[in-house]
Amino acid sequence: YLLKKPNCTQLISAWLGSGEKFENKFIAQLRSN
């Protein structure tokens, strides 16, 4: 918000994305985006 930029992935609150399934989805979005 302060940087006036959206997050690049759907994982807005990264610390909530724990667990192998969510982490792999996050990695895939880092790559694809």
PDB file of all heavy atoms in Angstrom:
ATOM      1  N   TYR A   1       0.829  -1.201   0.000  1.00  0.00           N
ATOM      2  CA  TYR A   1       0.000   0.000   0.000  1.00  0.00           C
ATOM      3  C   TYR A   1       0.867   1.257   0.000  1.00  0.00           C
ATOM      4  O   TYR A   1       0.662   2.167  -0.796  1.00  0.00           O
ATOM      5  CB  TYR A   1      -0.942   0.019   1.205  1.00  0.00           C
ATOM      6  CG  TYR A   1      -1.597   1.363   1.404  1.00  0.00           C
ATOM      7  CD1 TYR A   1      -2.681   1.740   0.628  1.00  0.00           C
ATOM      8  CD2 TYR A   1      -1.092   2.277   2.331  1.00  0.00           C
ATOM      9  CE1 TYR A   1      -3.269   2.980   0.777  1.00  0.00           C
ATOM     10  CE2 TYR A   1      -1.669   3.525   2.487  1.00  0.00           C
ATOM     11  CZ  TYR A   1      -2.757   3.872   1.708  1.00  0.00           C
ATOM     12  OH  TYR A   1      -3.318   5.114   1.848  1.00  0.00           O
ATOM     13  N   LEU A   2       1.836   1.297   0.893  1.00  0.00           N
ATOM     14  CA  LEU A   2       2.695   2.481   0.998  1.00  0.00           C
ATOM     15  C   LEU A   2       3.560   2.668  -0.244  1.00  0.00           C
ATOM     16  O   LEU A   2       3.895   3.794  -0.606  1.00  0.00           O
ATOM     17  CB  LEU A   2       3.562   2.394   2.249  1.00  0.00           C
ATOM     18  CG  LEU A   2       2.804   2.469   3.574  1.00  0.00           C
ATOM     19  CD1 LEU A   2       3.722   2.131   4.745  1.00  0.00           C
ATOM     20  CD2 LEU A   2       2.162   3.832   3.757  1.00  0.00           C
ATOM     21  N   LEU A   3       3.901   1.570  -0.906  1.00  0.00           N
ATOM     22  CA  LEU A   3       4.688   1.640  -2.135  1.00  0.00           C
ATOM     23  C   LEU A   3       3.817   1.885  -3.371  1.00  0.00           C
ATOM     24  O   LEU A   3       4.332   2.065  -4.469  1.00  0.00           O
ATOM     25  CB  LEU A   3       5.480   0.338  -2.316  1.00  0.00           C
ATOM     26  CG  LEU A   3       6.593   0.129  -1.296  1.00  0.00           C
ATOM     27  CD1 LEU A   3       7.054  -1.324  -1.315  1.00  0.00           C
ATOM     28  CD2 LEU A   3       7.746   1.083  -1.559  1.00  0.00           C
ATOM     29  N   LYS A   4       2.504   1.879  -3.167  1.00  0.00           N
ATOM     30  CA  LYS A   4       1.533   2.101  -4.254  1.00  0.00           C
ATOM     31  C   LYS A   4       1.688   1.062  -5.364  1.00  0.00           C
ATOM     32  O   LYS A   4       1.569   1.350  -6.543  1.00  0.00           O
ATOM     33  CB  LYS A   4       1.657   3.513  -4.845  1.00  0.00           C
ATOM     34  CG  LYS A   4       1.611   4.641  -3.833  1.00  0.00           C
ATOM     35  CD  LYS A   4       0.302   4.698  -3.102  1.00  0.00           C
ATOM     36  CE  LYS A   4       0.259   5.928  -2.200  1.00  0.00           C
ATOM     37  NZ  LYS A   4      -0.317   5.670  -0.914  1.00  0.00           N
ATOM     38  N   LYS A   5       1.940  -0.195  -4.954  1.00  0.00           N
ATOM     39  CA  LYS A   5       2.096  -1.313  -5.884  1.00  0.00           C
ATOM     40  C   LYS A   5       1.292  -2.498  -5.357  1.00  0.00           C
ATOM     41  O   LYS A   5       1.322  -2.799  -4.165  1.00  0.00           O
ATOM     42  CB  LYS A   5       3.559  -1.751  -6.010  1.00  0.00           C
ATOM     43  CG  LYS A   5       4.530  -0.693  -6.462  1.00  0.00           C
ATOM     44  CD  LYS A   5       4.508  -0.518  -7.943  1.00  0.00           C
ATOM     45  CE  LYS A   5       5.568   0.495  -8.370  1.00  0.00           C
ATOM     46  NZ  LYS A   5       5.494   0.797  -9.759  1.00  0.00           N
ATOM     47  N   PRO A   6       0.599  -3.214  -6.235  1.00  0.00           N
ATOM     48  CA  PRO A   6      -0.088  -4.427  -5.786  1.00  0.00           C
ATOM     49  C   PRO A   6       0.911  -5.565  -5.592  1.00  0.00           C
ATOM     50  O   PRO A   6       2.041  -5.518  -6.091  1.00  0.00           O
ATOM     51  CB  PRO A   6      -1.038  -4.737  -6.945  1.00  0.00           C
ATOM     52  CG  PRO A   6      -0.342  -4.180  -8.145  1.00  0.00           C
ATOM     53  CD  PRO A   6       0.375  -2.936  -7.646  1.00  0.00           C
ATOM     54  N   ASN A   7       0.497  -6.590  -4.869  1.00  0.00           N
ATOM     55  CA  ASN A   7       1.297  -7.798  -4.770  1.00  0.00           C
ATOM     56  C   ASN A   7       1.313  -8.488  -6.124  1.00  0.00           C
ATOM     57  O   ASN A   7       0.326  -8.433  -6.867  1.00  0.00           O
ATOM     58  CB  ASN A   7       0.715  -8.757  -3.730  1.00  0.00           C
ATOM     59  CG  ASN A   7       1.261  -8.501  -2.356  1.00  0.00           C
ATOM     60  OD1 ASN A   7       2.457  -8.522  -2.141  1.00  0.00           O
ATOM     61  ND2 ASN A   7       0.366  -8.256  -1.425  1.00  0.00           N
ATOM     62  N   CYS A   8       2.393  -9.170  -6.429  1.00  0.00           N
ATOM     63  CA  CYS A   8       2.529  -9.851  -7.714  1.00  0.00           C
ATOM     64  C   CYS A   8       1.834 -11.207  -7.736  1.00  0.00           C
ATOM     65  O   CYS A   8       1.574 -11.751  -8.802  1.00  0.00           O
ATOM     66  CB  CYS A   8       4.004 -10.041  -8.059  1.00  0.00           C
ATOM     67  SG  CYS A   8       4.913  -8.503  -8.268  1.00  0.00           S
ATOM     68  N   THR A   9       1.554 -11.770  -6.579  1.00  0.00           N
ATOM     69  CA  THR A   9       0.890 -13.067  -6.506  1.00  0.00           C
ATOM     70  C   THR A   9      -0.388 -12.926  -5.678  1.00  0.00           C
ATOM     71  O   THR A   9      -0.640 -11.890  -5.080  1.00  0.00           O
ATOM     72  CB  THR A   9       1.792 -14.132  -5.837  1.00  0.00           C
ATOM     73  OG1 THR A   9       1.925 -13.828  -4.448  1.00  0.00           O
ATOM     74  CG2 THR A   9       3.160 -14.205  -6.508  1.00  0.00           C
ATOM     75  N   GLN A  10      -1.141 -14.008  -5.636  1.00  0.00           N
ATOM     76  CA  GLN A  10      -2.363 -14.016  -4.829  1.00  0.00           C
ATOM     77  C   GLN A  10      -2.058 -14.062  -3.340  1.00  0.00           C
ATOM     78  O   GLN A  10      -2.925 -13.788  -2.524  1.00  0.00           O
ATOM     79  CB  GLN A  10      -3.228 -15.220  -5.187  1.00  0.00           C
ATOM     80  CG  GLN A  10      -3.826 -15.137  -6.564  1.00  0.00           C
ATOM     81  CD  GLN A  10      -4.596 -16.399  -6.911  1.00  0.00           C
ATOM     82  OE1 GLN A  10      -4.312 -17.482  -6.416  1.00  0.00           O
ATOM     83  NE2 GLN A  10      -5.586 -16.253  -7.783  1.00  0.00           N
ATOM     84  N   LEU A  11      -0.838 -14.427  -2.986  1.00  0.00           N
ATOM     85  CA  LEU A  11      -0.466 -14.559  -1.585  1.00  0.00           C
ATOM     86  C   LEU A  11      -0.124 -13.188  -1.015  1.00  0.00           C
ATOM     87  O   LEU A  11       1.016 -12.752  -1.020  1.00  0.00           O
ATOM     88  CB  LEU A  11       0.719 -15.514  -1.443  1.00  0.00           C
ATOM     89  CG  LEU A  11       0.964 -16.065  -0.047  1.00  0.00           C
ATOM     90  CD1 LEU A  11      -0.245 -16.843   0.462  1.00  0.00           C
ATOM     91  CD2 LEU A  11       2.185 -16.953  -0.043  1.00  0.00           C
ATOM     92  N   ILE A  12      -1.153 -12.493  -0.555  1.00  0.00           N
ATOM     93  CA  ILE A  12      -0.989 -11.146  -0.023  1.00  0.00           C
ATOM     94  C   ILE A  12      -0.338 -11.191   1.356  1.00  0.00           C
ATOM     95  O   ILE A  12       0.529 -10.397   1.673  1.00  0.00           O
ATOM     96  CB  ILE A  12      -2.352 -10.423   0.034  1.00  0.00           C
ATOM     97  CG1 ILE A  12      -2.868 -10.209  -1.386  1.00  0.00           C
ATOM     98  CG2 ILE A  12      -2.242  -9.100   0.779  1.00  0.00           C
ATOM     99  CD1 ILE A  12      -4.293  -9.747  -1.465  1.00  0.00           C
ATOM    100  N   SER A  13      -0.738 -12.130   2.149  1.00  0.00           N
ATOM    101  CA  SER A  13      -0.165 -12.300   3.482  1.00  0.00           C
ATOM    102  C   SER A  13       0.643 -13.596   3.476  1.00  0.00           C
ATOM    103  O   SER A  13       0.130 -14.668   3.780  1.00  0.00           O
ATOM    104  CB  SER A  13      -1.286 -12.359   4.516  1.00  0.00           C
ATOM    105  OG  SER A  13      -0.754 -12.501   5.794  1.00  0.00           O
ATOM    106  N   ALA A  14       1.914 -13.486   3.113  1.00  0.00           N
ATOM    107  CA  ALA A  14       2.747 -14.662   2.887  1.00  0.00           C
ATOM    108  C   ALA A  14       2.801 -15.606   4.080  1.00  0.00           C
ATOM    109  O   ALA A  14       2.809 -16.819   3.918  1.00  0.00           O
ATOM    110  CB  ALA A  14       4.157 -14.226   2.492  1.00  0.00           C
ATOM    111  N   TRP A  15       2.816 -15.077   5.276  1.00  0.00           N
ATOM    112  CA  TRP A  15       2.949 -15.948   6.444  1.00  0.00           C
ATOM    113  C   TRP A  15       1.744 -16.857   6.639  1.00  0.00           C
ATOM    114  O   TRP A  15       1.827 -17.875   7.313  1.00  0.00           O
ATOM    115  CB  TRP A  15       3.239 -15.136   7.703  1.00  0.00           C
ATOM    116  CG  TRP A  15       2.156 -14.211   8.132  1.00  0.00           C
ATOM    117  CD1 TRP A  15       1.935 -12.944   7.711  1.00  0.00           C
ATOM    118  CD2 TRP A  15       1.124 -14.494   9.073  1.00  0.00           C
ATOM    119  NE1 TRP A  15       0.836 -12.415   8.321  1.00  0.00           N
ATOM    120  CE2 TRP A  15       0.311 -13.348   9.170  1.00  0.00           C
ATOM    121  CE3 TRP A  15       0.809 -15.603   9.845  1.00  0.00           C
ATOM    122  CZ2 TRP A  15      -0.783 -13.289  10.004  1.00  0.00           C
ATOM    123  CZ3 TRP A  15      -0.294 -15.539  10.676  1.00  0.00           C
ATOM    124  CH2 TRP A  15      -1.076 -14.383  10.745  1.00  0.00           C
ATOM    125  N   LEU A  16       0.608 -16.545   6.015  1.00  0.00           N
ATOM    126  CA  LEU A  16      -0.569 -17.419   6.092  1.00  0.00           C
ATOM    127  C   LEU A  16      -0.494 -18.575   5.103  1.00  0.00           C
ATOM    128  O   LEU A  16      -1.276 -19.507   5.180  1.00  0.00           O
ATOM    129  CB  LEU A  16      -1.853 -16.614   5.824  1.00  0.00           C
ATOM    130  CG  LEU A  16      -2.244 -15.609   6.892  1.00  0.00           C
ATOM    131  CD1 LEU A  16      -3.445 -14.804   6.440  1.00  0.00           C
ATOM    132  CD2 LEU A  16      -2.534 -16.310   8.211  1.00  0.00           C
ATOM    133  N   GLY A  17       0.445 -18.498   4.155  1.00  0.00           N
ATOM    134  CA  GLY A  17       0.536 -19.499   3.095  1.00  0.00           C
ATOM    135  C   GLY A  17       1.416 -20.672   3.430  1.00  0.00           C
ATOM    136  O   GLY A  17       2.018 -21.259   2.544  1.00  0.00           O
ATOM    137  N   SER A  18       1.489 -21.033   4.693  1.00  0.00           N
ATOM    138  CA  SER A  18       2.376 -22.137   5.039  1.00  0.00           C
ATOM    139  C   SER A  18       1.751 -23.463   4.633  1.00  0.00           C
ATOM    140  O   SER A  18       0.549 -23.596   4.471  1.00  0.00           O
ATOM    141  CB  SER A  18       2.704 -22.120   6.529  1.00  0.00           C
ATOM    142  OG  SER A  18       1.541 -22.230   7.300  1.00  0.00           O
ATOM    143  N   GLY A  19       2.613 -24.422   4.444  1.00  0.00           N
ATOM    144  CA  GLY A  19       2.189 -25.735   3.992  1.00  0.00           C
ATOM    145  C   GLY A  19       2.665 -25.942   2.565  1.00  0.00           C
ATOM    146  O   GLY A  19       2.707 -25.007   1.761  1.00  0.00           O
ATOM    147  N   GLU A  20       3.048 -27.148   2.254  1.00  0.00           N
ATOM    148  CA  GLU A  20       3.658 -27.464   0.961  1.00  0.00           C
ATOM    149  C   GLU A  20       2.777 -27.053  -0.226  1.00  0.00           C
ATOM    150  O   GLU A  20       3.274 -26.466  -1.194  1.00  0.00           O
ATOM    151  CB  GLU A  20       3.964 -28.960   0.903  1.00  0.00           C
ATOM    152  CG  GLU A  20       4.752 -29.357  -0.312  1.00  0.00           C
ATOM    153  CD  GLU A  20       5.178 -30.818  -0.285  1.00  0.00           C
ATOM    154  OE1 GLU A  20       5.090 -31.463   0.787  1.00  0.00           O
ATOM    155  OE2 GLU A  20       5.585 -31.313  -1.353  1.00  0.00           O
ATOM    156  N   LYS A  21       1.487 -27.323  -0.146  1.00  0.00           N
ATOM    157  CA  LYS A  21       0.577 -26.993  -1.250  1.00  0.00           C
ATOM    158  C   LYS A  21       0.591 -25.477  -1.536  1.00  0.00           C
ATOM    159  O   LYS A  21       0.736 -25.052  -2.687  1.00  0.00           O
ATOM    160  CB  LYS A  21      -0.842 -27.453  -0.909  1.00  0.00           C
ATOM    161  CG  LYS A  21      -1.869 -27.107  -1.951  1.00  0.00           C
ATOM    162  CD  LYS A  21      -3.260 -27.565  -1.515  1.00  0.00           C
ATOM    163  CE  LYS A  21      -4.307 -27.092  -2.474  1.00  0.00           C
ATOM    164  NZ  LYS A  21      -5.666 -27.437  -2.027  1.00  0.00           N
ATOM    165  N   PHE A  22       0.435 -24.671  -0.509  1.00  0.00           N
ATOM    166  CA  PHE A  22       0.387 -23.217  -0.685  1.00  0.00           C
ATOM    167  C   PHE A  22       1.742 -22.659  -1.106  1.00  0.00           C
ATOM    168  O   PHE A  22       1.818 -21.752  -1.931  1.00  0.00           O
ATOM    169  CB  PHE A  22      -0.095 -22.530   0.594  1.00  0.00           C
ATOM    170  CG  PHE A  22      -1.548 -22.761   0.873  1.00  0.00           C
ATOM    171  CD1 PHE A  22      -1.938 -23.586   1.919  1.00  0.00           C
ATOM    172  CD2 PHE A  22      -2.533 -22.169   0.092  1.00  0.00           C
ATOM    173  CE1 PHE A  22      -3.278 -23.806   2.180  1.00  0.00           C
ATOM    174  CE2 PHE A  22      -3.876 -22.392   0.341  1.00  0.00           C
ATOM    175  CZ  PHE A  22      -4.245 -23.218   1.391  1.00  0.00           C
ATOM    176  N   GLU A  23       2.798 -23.206  -0.534  1.00  0.00           N
ATOM    177  CA  GLU A  23       4.126 -22.720  -0.891  1.00  0.00           C
ATOM    178  C   GLU A  23       4.456 -23.019  -2.347  1.00  0.00           C
ATOM    179  O   GLU A  23       5.012 -22.173  -3.056  1.00  0.00           O
ATOM    180  CB  GLU A  23       5.183 -23.314   0.039  1.00  0.00           C
ATOM    181  CG  GLU A  23       5.085 -22.748   1.452  1.00  0.00           C
ATOM    182  CD  GLU A  23       6.187 -23.239   2.354  1.00  0.00           C
ATOM    183  OE1 GLU A  23       7.352 -22.938   2.054  1.00  0.00           O
ATOM    184  OE2 GLU A  23       5.877 -23.916   3.358  1.00  0.00           O
ATOM    185  N   ASN A  24       4.095 -24.208  -2.817  1.00  0.00           N
ATOM    186  CA  ASN A  24       4.331 -24.547  -4.223  1.00  0.00           C
ATOM    187  C   ASN A  24       3.491 -23.688  -5.161  1.00  0.00           C
ATOM    188  O   ASN A  24       3.954 -23.295  -6.236  1.00  0.00           O
ATOM    189  CB  ASN A  24       4.089 -26.034  -4.464  1.00  0.00           C
ATOM    190  CG  ASN A  24       5.195 -26.896  -3.880  1.00  0.00           C
ATOM    191  OD1 ASN A  24       6.350 -26.482  -3.828  1.00  0.00           O
ATOM    192  ND2 ASN A  24       4.849 -28.081  -3.412  1.00  0.00           N
ATOM    193  N   LYS A  25       2.272 -23.367  -4.751  1.00  0.00           N
ATOM    194  CA  LYS A  25       1.437 -22.465  -5.544  1.00  0.00           C
ATOM    195  C   LYS A  25       2.074 -21.070  -5.597  1.00  0.00           C
ATOM    196  O   LYS A  25       2.105 -20.431  -6.648  1.00  0.00           O
ATOM    197  CB  LYS A  25       0.029 -22.386  -4.946  1.00  0.00           C
ATOM    198  CG  LYS A  25      -0.931 -21.511  -5.724  1.00  0.00           C
ATOM    199  CD  LYS A  25      -2.318 -21.518  -5.097  1.00  0.00           C
ATOM    200  CE  LYS A  25      -3.244 -20.617  -5.886  1.00  0.00           C
ATOM    201  NZ  LYS A  25      -4.600 -20.592  -5.323  1.00  0.00           N
ATOM    202  N   PHE A  26       2.585 -20.620  -4.482  1.00  0.00           N
ATOM    203  CA  PHE A  26       3.260 -19.330  -4.411  1.00  0.00           C
ATOM    204  C   PHE A  26       4.475 -19.300  -5.341  1.00  0.00           C
ATOM    205  O   PHE A  26       4.665 -18.361  -6.109  1.00  0.00           O
ATOM    206  CB  PHE A  26       3.666 -19.056  -2.956  1.00  0.00           C
ATOM    207  CG  PHE A  26       4.478 -17.816  -2.744  1.00  0.00           C
ATOM    208  CD1 PHE A  26       3.968 -16.567  -3.041  1.00  0.00           C
ATOM    209  CD2 PHE A  26       5.762 -17.905  -2.228  1.00  0.00           C
ATOM    210  CE1 PHE A  26       4.717 -15.410  -2.831  1.00  0.00           C
ATOM    211  CE2 PHE A  26       6.522 -16.763  -2.009  1.00  0.00           C
ATOM    212  CZ  PHE A  26       5.993 -15.520  -2.321  1.00  0.00           C
ATOM    213  N   ILE A  27       5.272 -20.350  -5.300  1.00  0.00           N
ATOM    214  CA  ILE A  27       6.452 -20.439  -6.163  1.00  0.00           C
ATOM    215  C   ILE A  27       6.044 -20.428  -7.634  1.00  0.00           C
ATOM    216  O   ILE A  27       6.659 -19.738  -8.455  1.00  0.00           O
ATOM    217  CB  ILE A  27       7.277 -21.702  -5.815  1.00  0.00           C
ATOM    218  CG1 ILE A  27       7.907 -21.542  -4.429  1.00  0.00           C
ATOM    219  CG2 ILE A  27       8.343 -21.968  -6.876  1.00  0.00           C
ATOM    220  CD1 ILE A  27       8.477 -22.835  -3.852  1.00  0.00           C
ATOM    221  N   ALA A  28       5.004 -21.166  -7.961  1.00  0.00           N
ATOM    222  CA  ALA A  28       4.524 -21.201  -9.349  1.00  0.00           C
ATOM    223  C   ALA A  28       4.097 -19.812  -9.812  1.00  0.00           C
ATOM    224  O   ALA A  28       4.365 -19.416 -10.958  1.00  0.00           O
ATOM    225  CB  ALA A  28       3.370 -22.194  -9.478  1.00  0.00           C
ATOM    226  N   GLN A  29       3.455 -19.053  -8.933  1.00  0.00           N
ATOM    227  CA  GLN A  29       3.035 -17.696  -9.293  1.00  0.00           C
ATOM    228  C   GLN A  29       4.232 -16.747  -9.396  1.00  0.00           C
ATOM    229  O   GLN A  29       4.234 -15.865 -10.246  1.00  0.00           O
ATOM    230  CB  GLN A  29       2.014 -17.167  -8.289  1.00  0.00           C
ATOM    231  CG  GLN A  29       0.671 -17.840  -8.422  1.00  0.00           C
ATOM    232  CD  GLN A  29      -0.354 -17.302  -7.458  1.00  0.00           C
ATOM    233  OE1 GLN A  29      -0.156 -16.284  -6.799  1.00  0.00           O
ATOM    234  NE2 GLN A  29      -1.479 -17.985  -7.357  1.00  0.00           N
ATOM    235  N   LEU A  30       5.242 -16.930  -8.568  1.00  0.00           N
ATOM    236  CA  LEU A  30       6.457 -16.126  -8.703  1.00  0.00           C
ATOM    237  C   LEU A  30       7.075 -16.333 -10.083  1.00  0.00           C
ATOM    238  O   LEU A  30       7.487 -15.385 -10.745  1.00  0.00           O
ATOM    239  CB  LEU A  30       7.488 -16.488  -7.619  1.00  0.00           C
ATOM    240  CG  LEU A  30       7.213 -16.039  -6.192  1.00  0.00           C
ATOM    241  CD1 LEU A  30       8.264 -16.616  -5.240  1.00  0.00           C
ATOM    242  CD2 LEU A  30       7.159 -14.528  -6.078  1.00  0.00           C
ATOM    243  N   ARG A  31       7.100 -17.605 -10.510  1.00  0.00           N
ATOM    244  CA  ARG A  31       7.657 -17.934 -11.829  1.00  0.00           C
ATOM    245  C   ARG A  31       6.791 -17.377 -12.952  1.00  0.00           C
ATOM    246  O   ARG A  31       7.282 -16.689 -13.850  1.00  0.00           O
ATOM    247  CB  ARG A  31       7.772 -19.452 -11.989  1.00  0.00           C
ATOM    248  CG  ARG A  31       8.894 -20.068 -11.227  1.00  0.00           C
ATOM    249  CD  ARG A  31       8.959 -21.562 -11.527  1.00  0.00           C
ATOM    250  NE  ARG A  31       9.978 -22.193 -10.723  1.00  0.00           N
ATOM    251  CZ  ARG A  31       9.808 -23.334 -10.081  1.00  0.00           C
ATOM    252  NH1 ARG A  31       8.662 -23.992 -10.162  1.00  0.00           N
ATOM    253  NH2 ARG A  31      10.796 -23.844  -9.377  1.00  0.00           N
ATOM    254  N   SER A  32       5.511 -17.702 -12.920  1.00  0.00           N
ATOM    255  CA  SER A  32       4.625 -17.335 -14.041  1.00  0.00           C
ATOM    256  C   SER A  32       4.423 -15.829 -14.161  1.00  0.00           C
ATOM    257  O   SER A  32       4.216 -15.317 -15.263  1.00  0.00           O
ATOM    258  CB  SER A  32       3.273 -18.045 -13.921  1.00  0.00           C
ATOM    259  OG  SER A  32       2.560 -17.594 -12.788  1.00  0.00           O
ATOM    260  N   ASN A  33       4.506 -15.113 -13.048  1.00  0.00           N
ATOM    261  CA  ASN A  33       4.316 -13.661 -13.081  1.00  0.00           C
ATOM    262  C   ASN A  33       5.631 -12.902 -13.246  1.00  0.00           C
ATOM    263  O   ASN A  33       5.642 -11.672 -13.222  1.00  0.00           O
ATOM    264  CB  ASN A  33       3.604 -13.194 -11.808  1.00  0.00           C
ATOM    265  CG  ASN A  33       2.195 -13.723 -11.716  1.00  0.00           C
ATOM    266  OD1 ASN A  33       1.613 -14.155 -12.696  1.00  0.00           O
ATOM    267  ND2 ASN A  33       1.636 -13.712 -10.521  1.00  0.00           N
TER     268      ASN A  33
END
